[in-house]
Amino acid sequence: MICDRILGKVSDTQFAGLEIDYVDVEWHEAFSRLHRKISQMGEDVGIRMGNEVLKRGLNQDDVLYADARKVIAVNIPECEAIRAAVDKDHPGQIARLCYEVGNTHTSMFRGEDAFTFYTPYHEALLQKLDQLHGVTVEKVWKKFDFTQALSSAINNHHH
């Protein structure tokens, strides 16, 4: 099957009571137009989005297909991430944290509060951020939510 548009969200009333089959789209693939995937229930799914996906991206629970019985929706799986928490007594370090993450052209996401941030994991960045005074970092598993993205960089370019 070929899916070429987003029909809504799983939570929309028109999909109530339908079986949900998810297709995994990794966070770094979410802004690509073309995909070929196998859904969690074994369905062969081709995704061919228009240019709007380049700005909007595919998000958790976006419905790509629906019939009278089921929907196929996007699942953004958890991945390794860096959780960076800036000490409240060092708010100036937020700018330094943003600079260091931005310098690697890596995406950054809001955390639970104004002092917590997430970014995709890579060891060199973890080590660099661990050296920042007033910043505590740890490697965690995280499901990225693009509504919480702080940066427009979606690639995972490293220096």
N, C-alpha and C. Protein backbone atom coordinates (compact mmCIF):
# COMPACT_ATOMS: atom_id res chain seq x y z
N MET A 1 0.84 -1.17 0.00
CA MET A 1 0.00 0.00 0.00
C MET A 1 0.88 1.23 0.00
N ILE A 2 0.42 2.28 -0.67
CA ILE A 2 1.13 3.55 -0.73
C ILE A 2 0.35 4.58 0.08
N CYS A 3 1.01 5.24 1.00
CA CYS A 3 0.40 6.29 1.82
C CYS A 3 1.02 7.62 1.39
N ASP A 4 0.17 8.57 1.02
CA ASP A 4 0.71 9.82 0.48
C ASP A 4 0.24 11.07 1.22
N ARG A 5 -0.46 10.88 2.34
CA ARG A 5 -0.87 12.04 3.14
C ARG A 5 -1.19 11.61 4.57
N ILE A 6 -1.22 12.60 5.42
CA ILE A 6 -1.56 12.38 6.83
C ILE A 6 -3.06 12.62 6.96
N LEU A 7 -3.77 11.62 7.46
CA LEU A 7 -5.23 11.68 7.55
C LEU A 7 -5.74 12.25 8.87
N GLY A 8 -4.87 12.36 9.84
CA GLY A 8 -5.26 12.85 11.16
C GLY A 8 -4.41 12.19 12.22
N LYS A 9 -4.95 12.14 13.43
CA LYS A 9 -4.29 11.51 14.57
C LYS A 9 -5.11 10.32 15.04
N VAL A 10 -4.45 9.35 15.62
CA VAL A 10 -5.13 8.16 16.16
C VAL A 10 -6.25 8.56 17.10
N SER A 11 -6.08 9.63 17.85
CA SER A 11 -7.08 10.06 18.83
C SER A 11 -8.30 10.74 18.21
N ASP A 12 -8.29 11.03 16.90
CA ASP A 12 -9.44 11.67 16.24
C ASP A 12 -10.65 10.74 16.28
N THR A 13 -11.84 11.32 16.43
CA THR A 13 -13.06 10.53 16.61
C THR A 13 -13.35 9.59 15.44
N GLN A 14 -12.99 9.96 14.23
CA GLN A 14 -13.30 9.09 13.09
C GLN A 14 -12.52 7.76 13.12
N PHE A 15 -11.50 7.67 13.96
CA PHE A 15 -10.72 6.44 14.06
C PHE A 15 -11.05 5.63 15.31
N ALA A 16 -11.98 6.10 16.11
CA ALA A 16 -12.36 5.42 17.35
C ALA A 16 -12.84 4.00 17.05
N GLY A 17 -12.36 3.05 17.83
CA GLY A 17 -12.79 1.67 17.70
C GLY A 17 -12.08 0.87 16.62
N LEU A 18 -11.22 1.51 15.84
CA LEU A 18 -10.49 0.79 14.79
C LEU A 18 -9.20 0.20 15.36
N GLU A 19 -8.80 -0.92 14.79
CA GLU A 19 -7.54 -1.55 15.16
C GLU A 19 -6.40 -0.63 14.71
N ILE A 20 -5.37 -0.51 15.52
CA ILE A 20 -4.23 0.35 15.18
C ILE A 20 -3.01 -0.51 14.89
N ASP A 21 -2.45 -0.32 13.71
CA ASP A 21 -1.21 -0.96 13.30
C ASP A 21 -0.19 0.16 13.14
N TYR A 22 0.94 0.02 13.80
CA TYR A 22 1.95 1.07 13.75
C TYR A 22 3.08 0.72 12.78
N VAL A 23 3.60 1.75 12.15
CA VAL A 23 4.80 1.63 11.34
C VAL A 23 5.86 2.49 12.02
N ASP A 24 7.00 1.88 12.32
CA ASP A 24 8.08 2.60 13.00
C ASP A 24 8.82 3.51 12.03
N VAL A 25 8.93 4.78 12.39
CA VAL A 25 9.71 5.76 11.64
C VAL A 25 10.69 6.35 12.64
N GLU A 26 11.97 6.08 12.45
CA GLU A 26 12.99 6.59 13.37
C GLU A 26 12.97 8.11 13.37
N TRP A 27 13.36 8.72 14.47
CA TRP A 27 13.30 10.18 14.61
C TRP A 27 14.04 10.88 13.48
N HIS A 28 15.17 10.33 13.05
CA HIS A 28 15.98 10.98 12.02
C HIS A 28 15.42 10.76 10.61
N GLU A 29 14.39 9.92 10.48
CA GLU A 29 13.73 9.69 9.19
C GLU A 29 12.46 10.51 9.04
N ALA A 30 12.01 11.14 10.11
CA ALA A 30 10.67 11.74 10.16
C ALA A 30 10.46 12.88 9.16
N PHE A 31 11.53 13.49 8.69
CA PHE A 31 11.40 14.61 7.76
C PHE A 31 11.77 14.20 6.34
N SER A 32 11.79 12.92 6.05
CA SER A 32 12.05 12.42 4.70
C SER A 32 10.72 12.15 4.00
N ARG A 33 10.69 12.35 2.71
CA ARG A 33 9.46 12.17 1.94
C ARG A 33 9.17 10.71 1.62
N LEU A 34 10.20 9.90 1.42
CA LEU A 34 10.00 8.53 0.93
C LEU A 34 10.49 7.49 1.95
N HIS A 35 9.65 6.48 2.17
CA HIS A 35 9.99 5.38 3.06
C HIS A 35 9.37 4.09 2.53
N ARG A 36 10.02 3.00 2.81
CA ARG A 36 9.41 1.68 2.62
C ARG A 36 9.59 0.95 3.93
N LYS A 37 8.48 0.57 4.53
CA LYS A 37 8.49 0.01 5.88
C LYS A 37 7.59 -1.22 5.93
N ILE A 38 7.79 -2.00 6.97
CA ILE A 38 6.89 -3.10 7.31
C ILE A 38 6.24 -2.72 8.64
N SER A 39 4.92 -2.73 8.69
CA SER A 39 4.23 -2.34 9.92
C SER A 39 4.44 -3.42 10.99
N GLN A 40 4.05 -3.10 12.22
CA GLN A 40 4.21 -4.05 13.31
C GLN A 40 3.39 -5.31 13.10
N MET A 41 2.32 -5.22 12.28
CA MET A 41 1.49 -6.39 11.98
C MET A 41 1.87 -7.03 10.65
N GLY A 42 3.00 -6.61 10.05
CA GLY A 42 3.52 -7.26 8.85
C GLY A 42 3.04 -6.70 7.53
N GLU A 43 2.38 -5.56 7.53
CA GLU A 43 1.90 -4.94 6.30
C GLU A 43 3.04 -4.19 5.61
N ASP A 44 3.18 -4.38 4.29
CA ASP A 44 4.17 -3.65 3.50
C ASP A 44 3.62 -2.25 3.24
N VAL A 45 4.33 -1.21 3.69
CA VAL A 45 3.84 0.16 3.62
C VAL A 45 4.85 1.03 2.88
N GLY A 46 4.40 1.64 1.80
CA GLY A 46 5.19 2.66 1.11
C GLY A 46 4.68 4.02 1.53
N ILE A 47 5.58 4.90 1.88
CA ILE A 47 5.20 6.25 2.29
C ILE A 47 5.81 7.21 1.28
N ARG A 48 4.95 8.00 0.65
CA ARG A 48 5.38 8.97 -0.37
C ARG A 48 4.68 10.29 -0.07
N MET A 49 5.30 11.10 0.77
CA MET A 49 4.71 12.35 1.22
C MET A 49 5.09 13.50 0.28
N GLY A 50 4.30 14.55 0.33
CA GLY A 50 4.61 15.77 -0.40
C GLY A 50 5.66 16.58 0.33
N ASN A 51 5.99 17.73 -0.23
CA ASN A 51 7.03 18.58 0.34
C ASN A 51 6.69 19.12 1.73
N GLU A 52 5.42 19.15 2.10
CA GLU A 52 5.04 19.68 3.41
C GLU A 52 5.68 18.88 4.55
N VAL A 53 5.99 17.62 4.31
CA VAL A 53 6.61 16.80 5.36
C VAL A 53 8.03 17.27 5.67
N LEU A 54 8.64 17.99 4.74
CA LEU A 54 9.99 18.49 4.97
C LEU A 54 10.02 19.52 6.09
N LYS A 55 8.90 20.22 6.33
CA LYS A 55 8.81 21.20 7.41
C LYS A 55 8.08 20.63 8.63
N ARG A 56 7.02 19.87 8.38
CA ARG A 56 6.17 19.36 9.46
C ARG A 56 6.72 18.09 10.07
N GLY A 57 7.21 17.20 9.23
CA GLY A 57 7.68 15.90 9.68
C GLY A 57 6.52 14.95 9.94
N LEU A 58 6.85 13.69 10.09
CA LEU A 58 5.89 12.68 10.53
C LEU A 58 5.99 12.63 12.05
N ASN A 59 4.85 12.62 12.72
CA ASN A 59 4.84 12.66 14.18
C ASN A 59 4.14 11.44 14.75
N GLN A 60 4.42 11.17 16.01
CA GLN A 60 3.78 10.07 16.72
C GLN A 60 2.27 10.13 16.53
N ASP A 61 1.68 8.99 16.18
CA ASP A 61 0.24 8.79 16.04
C ASP A 61 -0.38 9.46 14.82
N ASP A 62 0.43 9.96 13.88
CA ASP A 62 -0.13 10.42 12.60
C ASP A 62 -0.71 9.22 11.87
N VAL A 63 -1.93 9.33 11.39
CA VAL A 63 -2.58 8.25 10.65
C VAL A 63 -2.24 8.40 9.18
N LEU A 64 -1.70 7.33 8.59
CA LEU A 64 -1.30 7.34 7.19
C LEU A 64 -2.29 6.58 6.30
N TYR A 65 -3.07 5.70 6.90
CA TYR A 65 -4.02 4.86 6.15
C TYR A 65 -5.17 4.51 7.07
N ALA A 66 -6.37 4.45 6.51
CA ALA A 66 -7.53 4.02 7.28
C ALA A 66 -8.52 3.33 6.36
N ASP A 67 -9.11 2.25 6.86
CA ASP A 67 -10.25 1.63 6.20
C ASP A 67 -11.30 1.35 7.28
N ALA A 68 -12.29 0.55 6.98
CA ALA A 68 -13.38 0.31 7.93
C ALA A 68 -12.95 -0.51 9.14
N ARG A 69 -11.79 -1.15 9.06
CA ARG A 69 -11.34 -2.06 10.10
C ARG A 69 -10.14 -1.54 10.90
N LYS A 70 -9.20 -0.89 10.21
CA LYS A 70 -7.95 -0.53 10.89
C LYS A 70 -7.36 0.76 10.35
N VAL A 71 -6.40 1.27 11.13
CA VAL A 71 -5.59 2.40 10.69
C VAL A 71 -4.12 1.99 10.78
N ILE A 72 -3.33 2.60 9.93
CA ILE A 72 -1.87 2.48 10.05
C ILE A 72 -1.37 3.85 10.45
N ALA A 73 -0.63 3.87 11.57
CA ALA A 73 -0.18 5.14 12.14
C ALA A 73 1.32 5.09 12.39
N VAL A 74 1.89 6.26 12.55
CA VAL A 74 3.33 6.43 12.78
C VAL A 74 3.66 6.19 14.25
N ASN A 75 4.72 5.44 14.47
CA ASN A 75 5.32 5.30 15.80
C ASN A 75 6.76 5.77 15.69
N ILE A 76 7.13 6.75 16.52
CA ILE A 76 8.52 7.18 16.61
C ILE A 76 9.13 6.42 17.79
N PRO A 77 9.95 5.39 17.51
CA PRO A 77 10.48 4.57 18.62
C PRO A 77 11.45 5.35 19.51
N GLU A 78 11.59 4.87 20.72
CA GLU A 78 12.60 5.42 21.62
C GLU A 78 13.98 5.20 21.01
N CYS A 79 14.90 6.07 21.36
CA CYS A 79 16.29 5.91 20.94
C CYS A 79 17.20 6.41 22.05
N GLU A 80 18.48 6.15 21.91
CA GLU A 80 19.43 6.65 22.89
C GLU A 80 19.50 8.17 22.79
N ALA A 81 19.52 8.81 23.93
CA ALA A 81 19.54 10.27 23.98
C ALA A 81 20.42 10.74 25.13
N ILE A 82 20.75 12.01 25.08
CA ILE A 82 21.44 12.65 26.18
C ILE A 82 20.44 13.56 26.88
N ARG A 83 20.30 13.38 28.18
CA ARG A 83 19.49 14.28 28.99
C ARG A 83 20.46 15.23 29.67
N ALA A 84 20.28 16.52 29.42
CA ALA A 84 21.15 17.54 30.01
C ALA A 84 20.31 18.42 30.92
N ALA A 85 20.69 18.48 32.18
CA ALA A 85 19.98 19.31 33.17
C ALA A 85 20.93 20.40 33.66
N VAL A 86 20.52 21.65 33.46
CA VAL A 86 21.31 22.80 33.89
C VAL A 86 20.90 23.15 35.33
N ASP A 87 21.89 23.32 36.20
CA ASP A 87 21.59 23.70 37.59
C ASP A 87 20.88 25.05 37.59
N LYS A 88 19.88 25.17 38.42
CA LYS A 88 19.11 26.41 38.48
C LYS A 88 19.96 27.61 38.91
N ASP A 89 21.10 27.35 39.64
CA ASP A 89 22.00 28.47 40.02
C ASP A 89 22.93 28.88 38.89
N HIS A 90 22.87 28.17 37.75
CA HIS A 90 23.75 28.48 36.61
C HIS A 90 22.94 28.65 35.32
N PRO A 91 21.91 29.50 35.32
CA PRO A 91 21.06 29.62 34.13
C PRO A 91 21.80 30.08 32.88
N GLY A 92 22.92 30.76 33.06
CA GLY A 92 23.73 31.19 31.91
C GLY A 92 24.30 30.02 31.13
N GLN A 93 24.38 28.86 31.76
CA GLN A 93 24.92 27.69 31.08
C GLN A 93 23.96 27.13 30.02
N ILE A 94 22.70 27.57 30.05
CA ILE A 94 21.77 27.14 29.01
C ILE A 94 22.28 27.58 27.64
N ALA A 95 22.76 28.82 27.56
CA ALA A 95 23.31 29.32 26.29
C ALA A 95 24.52 28.49 25.86
N ARG A 96 25.38 28.16 26.80
CA ARG A 96 26.57 27.36 26.47
C ARG A 96 26.17 25.96 26.00
N LEU A 97 25.20 25.37 26.68
CA LEU A 97 24.69 24.06 26.28
C LEU A 97 24.14 24.11 24.86
N CYS A 98 23.31 25.12 24.60
CA CYS A 98 22.74 25.27 23.26
C CYS A 98 23.83 25.46 22.21
N TYR A 99 24.84 26.23 22.54
CA TYR A 99 25.95 26.44 21.61
C TYR A 99 26.65 25.12 21.29
N GLU A 100 26.98 24.37 22.32
CA GLU A 100 27.73 23.11 22.11
C GLU A 100 26.91 22.10 21.30
N VAL A 101 25.62 21.99 21.58
CA VAL A 101 24.77 21.07 20.81
C VAL A 101 24.61 21.59 19.38
N GLY A 102 24.35 22.88 19.24
CA GLY A 102 24.20 23.47 17.91
C GLY A 102 25.45 23.36 17.07
N ASN A 103 26.61 23.41 17.71
CA ASN A 103 27.88 23.31 16.99
C ASN A 103 28.07 21.95 16.34
N THR A 104 27.34 20.95 16.81
CA THR A 104 27.40 19.62 16.19
C THR A 104 26.26 19.40 15.19
N HIS A 105 25.44 20.45 14.99
CA HIS A 105 24.29 20.37 14.06
C HIS A 105 23.33 19.25 14.46
N THR A 106 23.18 19.07 15.75
CA THR A 106 22.31 18.03 16.29
C THR A 106 21.02 18.66 16.81
N SER A 107 19.92 17.97 16.67
CA SER A 107 18.63 18.46 17.16
C SER A 107 18.63 18.56 18.68
N MET A 108 17.81 19.47 19.18
CA MET A 108 17.66 19.65 20.62
C MET A 108 16.18 19.77 20.94
N PHE A 109 15.77 19.17 22.05
CA PHE A 109 14.37 19.12 22.45
C PHE A 109 14.21 19.63 23.87
N ARG A 110 13.08 20.30 24.13
CA ARG A 110 12.74 20.74 25.49
C ARG A 110 12.56 19.51 26.38
N GLY A 111 12.87 19.68 27.64
CA GLY A 111 12.66 18.61 28.61
C GLY A 111 11.48 18.91 29.50
N GLU A 112 11.54 18.38 30.71
CA GLU A 112 10.43 18.49 31.65
C GLU A 112 10.24 19.90 32.21
N ASP A 113 11.29 20.71 32.17
CA ASP A 113 11.20 22.08 32.66
C ASP A 113 12.16 22.95 31.85
N ALA A 114 12.27 24.22 32.23
CA ALA A 114 13.07 25.18 31.47
C ALA A 114 14.58 24.93 31.58
N PHE A 115 14.99 24.01 32.44
CA PHE A 115 16.41 23.74 32.65
C PHE A 115 16.84 22.36 32.15
N THR A 116 15.93 21.62 31.51
CA THR A 116 16.22 20.26 31.06
C THR A 116 16.04 20.16 29.56
N PHE A 117 16.99 19.49 28.92
CA PHE A 117 17.00 19.38 27.47
C PHE A 117 17.42 17.97 27.06
N TYR A 118 17.01 17.58 25.85
CA TYR A 118 17.39 16.28 25.30
C TYR A 118 17.98 16.48 23.92
N THR A 119 18.92 15.63 23.58
CA THR A 119 19.51 15.63 22.25
C THR A 119 19.88 14.19 21.91
N PRO A 120 19.89 13.82 20.62
CA PRO A 120 20.28 12.45 20.26
C PRO A 120 21.68 12.13 20.78
N TYR A 121 21.85 10.90 21.20
CA TYR A 121 23.10 10.47 21.82
C TYR A 121 24.19 10.26 20.78
N HIS A 122 25.35 10.77 21.10
CA HIS A 122 26.61 10.27 20.56
C HIS A 122 27.67 10.57 21.61
N GLU A 123 28.59 9.66 21.74
CA GLU A 123 29.54 9.66 22.87
C GLU A 123 30.36 10.94 22.95
N ALA A 124 30.84 11.43 21.81
CA ALA A 124 31.68 12.64 21.84
C ALA A 124 30.91 13.83 22.40
N LEU A 125 29.65 13.96 22.04
CA LEU A 125 28.85 15.07 22.56
C LEU A 125 28.58 14.88 24.06
N LEU A 126 28.29 13.67 24.48
CA LEU A 126 28.09 13.40 25.90
C LEU A 126 29.33 13.82 26.70
N GLN A 127 30.50 13.45 26.22
CA GLN A 127 31.73 13.81 26.91
C GLN A 127 31.95 15.32 26.94
N LYS A 128 31.65 15.99 25.84
CA LYS A 128 31.81 17.45 25.78
C LYS A 128 30.86 18.13 26.77
N LEU A 129 29.59 17.71 26.76
CA LEU A 129 28.60 18.33 27.65
C LEU A 129 28.89 18.02 29.12
N ASP A 130 29.48 16.87 29.39
CA ASP A 130 29.81 16.48 30.75
C ASP A 130 30.87 17.39 31.36
N GLN A 131 31.61 18.11 30.52
CA GLN A 131 32.66 19.02 30.99
C GLN A 131 32.11 20.41 31.35
N LEU A 132 30.85 20.68 31.02
CA LEU A 132 30.27 22.00 31.29
C LEU A 132 29.95 22.14 32.77
N HIS A 133 30.46 23.20 33.37
CA HIS A 133 30.18 23.49 34.77
C HIS A 133 28.69 23.78 34.94
N GLY A 134 28.07 23.18 35.94
CA GLY A 134 26.66 23.44 36.22
C GLY A 134 25.69 22.68 35.34
N VAL A 135 26.19 21.70 34.58
CA VAL A 135 25.33 20.89 33.71
C VAL A 135 25.56 19.41 34.04
N THR A 136 24.48 18.70 34.30
CA THR A 136 24.54 17.27 34.58
C THR A 136 23.98 16.54 33.37
N VAL A 137 24.73 15.57 32.85
CA VAL A 137 24.27 14.83 31.68
C VAL A 137 24.21 13.34 32.00
N GLU A 138 23.30 12.67 31.29
CA GLU A 138 23.20 11.22 31.40
C GLU A 138 22.65 10.66 30.10
N LYS A 139 23.03 9.43 29.82
CA LYS A 139 22.52 8.71 28.65
C LYS A 139 21.21 8.05 29.05
N VAL A 140 20.15 8.28 28.26
CA VAL A 140 18.82 7.74 28.55
C VAL A 140 18.19 7.24 27.25
N TRP A 141 17.06 6.58 27.38
CA TRP A 141 16.23 6.22 26.23
C TRP A 141 15.08 7.21 26.19
N LYS A 142 14.79 7.77 25.00
CA LYS A 142 13.80 8.84 24.88
C LYS A 142 13.04 8.70 23.57
N LYS A 143 11.75 8.95 23.65
CA LYS A 143 10.92 9.03 22.45
C LYS A 143 10.83 10.51 22.11
N PHE A 144 11.46 10.94 21.02
CA PHE A 144 11.48 12.35 20.67
C PHE A 144 10.12 12.81 20.15
N ASP A 145 9.71 13.97 20.64
CA ASP A 145 8.44 14.59 20.26
C ASP A 145 8.79 15.90 19.55
N PHE A 146 8.51 15.96 18.26
CA PHE A 146 8.92 17.12 17.47
C PHE A 146 8.19 18.39 17.84
N THR A 147 7.09 18.30 18.59
CA THR A 147 6.46 19.53 19.07
C THR A 147 7.32 20.18 20.15
N GLN A 148 8.30 19.44 20.68
CA GLN A 148 9.21 19.95 21.70
C GLN A 148 10.58 20.32 21.14
N ALA A 149 10.73 20.27 19.81
CA ALA A 149 12.02 20.57 19.19
C ALA A 149 12.36 22.04 19.35
N LEU A 150 13.60 22.32 19.70
CA LEU A 150 14.09 23.69 19.83
C LEU A 150 14.89 24.12 18.62
N SER A 151 15.36 23.17 17.86
CA SER A 151 16.21 23.49 16.72
C SER A 151 15.60 22.95 15.45
N SER A 152 16.01 23.54 14.35
CA SER A 152 15.49 23.09 13.07
C SER A 152 16.35 21.99 12.47
N ALA A 153 17.53 21.75 13.03
CA ALA A 153 18.42 20.72 12.51
C ALA A 153 17.79 19.35 12.76
N ILE A 154 17.64 18.58 11.73
CA ILE A 154 17.07 17.25 11.92
C ILE A 154 18.07 16.18 11.49
N ASN A 155 19.15 16.58 10.91
CA ASN A 155 20.17 15.58 10.58
C ASN A 155 20.98 15.31 11.84
N ASN A 156 21.86 14.36 11.76
CA ASN A 156 22.68 14.00 12.90
C ASN A 156 24.14 14.12 12.51
N HIS A 157 24.50 15.28 11.97
CA HIS A 157 25.84 15.55 11.51
C HIS A 157 26.79 15.73 12.69
N HIS A 158 27.95 15.09 12.63
CA HIS A 158 28.94 15.23 13.69
C HIS A 158 30.23 15.76 13.12
N HIS A 159 30.97 16.52 13.92
CA HIS A 159 32.29 16.99 13.53
C HIS A 159 33.32 15.99 13.96
